[in-house]
Amino acid sequence: MPKNTICLWYDKDAEEAARFYADTFPDSKIRGIIRAPGKYPDGEEGAVLVVEFTVAGVACIGLNGGPTFKHSEAFSFQI
């Protein structure tokens, strides 16, 4: 298990982004996808919530957090 994981926030495209990274960079792959177990206020059962992936061997999480927070130069560490 890595000591830290980069968390990237997406409106709804975390899986698409992770697949792009996995197809583009060596030593990159999707490690897992967590889907909604049921309907929730902003989505449907089966919607992608979190994508676990690596980019060039670096552990990342793509979080479909919705449009509440806009993309910026900020980033998060999960330790």
Protein backbone atom coordinates (compact mmCIF):
# COMPACT_ATOMS: atom_id res chain seq x y z
CA MET A 1 0.00 0.00 0.00
CA PRO A 2 1.39 3.43 -0.94
CA LYS A 3 2.07 5.99 1.77
CA ASN A 4 -0.09 8.56 0.01
CA THR A 5 -2.57 8.76 -2.84
CA ILE A 6 -3.33 11.67 -5.13
CA CYS A 7 -7.05 12.47 -5.19
CA LEU A 8 -8.45 14.18 -8.30
CA TRP A 9 -11.95 15.67 -8.22
CA TYR A 10 -14.25 15.31 -11.25
CA ASP A 11 -17.85 16.26 -11.90
CA LYS A 12 -18.68 12.87 -13.45
CA ASP A 13 -15.77 11.87 -15.72
CA ALA A 14 -13.37 10.12 -13.32
CA GLU A 15 -13.60 6.78 -15.13
CA GLU A 16 -13.05 8.36 -18.55
CA ALA A 17 -10.03 10.29 -17.24
CA ALA A 18 -8.53 7.20 -15.57
CA ARG A 19 -8.93 5.18 -18.78
CA PHE A 20 -7.20 7.97 -20.72
CA TYR A 21 -4.26 7.99 -18.27
CA ALA A 22 -4.04 4.18 -18.29
CA ASP A 23 -3.96 4.11 -22.10
CA THR A 24 -1.47 6.99 -22.39
CA PHE A 25 1.25 6.45 -19.78
CA PRO A 26 3.36 3.34 -19.17
CA ASP A 27 2.98 1.58 -15.79
CA SER A 28 -0.58 2.93 -15.51
CA LYS A 29 -3.82 1.03 -14.97
CA ILE A 30 -7.25 1.11 -13.42
CA ARG A 31 -7.18 -0.81 -10.15
CA GLY A 32 -10.84 -0.60 -9.19
CA ILE A 33 -14.15 1.17 -9.64
CA ILE A 34 -16.62 1.82 -6.83
CA ARG A 35 -20.21 2.27 -7.95
CA ALA A 36 -23.25 3.60 -6.11
CA PRO A 37 -25.14 0.73 -4.47
CA GLY A 38 -28.44 2.54 -4.93
CA LYS A 39 -30.07 5.72 -6.11
CA TYR A 40 -28.86 8.85 -4.33
CA PRO A 41 -29.79 12.56 -4.55
CA ASP A 42 -27.51 13.39 -7.49
CA GLY A 43 -27.30 10.03 -9.24
CA GLU A 44 -28.49 6.57 -10.04
CA GLU A 45 -27.63 3.10 -8.84
CA GLY A 46 -24.45 1.90 -10.55
CA ALA A 47 -23.06 5.39 -11.16
CA VAL A 48 -19.28 5.59 -10.80
CA LEU A 49 -18.36 7.24 -7.49
CA VAL A 50 -14.61 6.52 -7.19
CA VAL A 51 -11.97 5.15 -9.55
CA GLU A 52 -8.71 3.79 -8.13
CA PHE A 53 -5.85 3.90 -10.66
CA THR A 54 -2.13 4.40 -11.10
CA VAL A 55 -0.34 6.84 -13.40
CA ALA A 56 3.31 5.95 -14.05
CA GLY A 57 3.19 3.82 -10.90
CA VAL A 58 1.75 6.61 -8.72
CA ALA A 59 -1.44 5.75 -6.84
CA CYS A 60 -4.42 8.00 -7.67
CA ILE A 61 -8.11 8.21 -6.87
CA GLY A 62 -10.63 9.88 -9.17
CA LEU A 63 -13.61 11.13 -7.19
CA ASN A 64 -16.84 12.00 -9.00
CA GLY A 65 -17.75 14.69 -6.50
CA GLY A 66 -20.00 16.75 -8.72
CA PRO A 67 -19.89 20.37 -9.82
CA THR A 68 -20.01 22.00 -6.37
CA PHE A 69 -16.26 22.68 -6.38
CA LYS A 70 -14.58 23.90 -9.57
CA HIS A 71 -11.19 22.68 -10.80
CA SER A 72 -8.27 24.72 -9.51
CA GLU A 73 -4.58 24.31 -8.89
CA ALA A 74 -5.40 22.79 -5.49
CA PHE A 75 -4.92 19.09 -4.85
CA SER A 76 -5.35 16.64 -1.96
CA PHE A 77 -3.21 14.01 -0.30
CA GLN A 78 -4.84 10.96 1.22
CA ILE A 79 -2.46 9.54 3.83
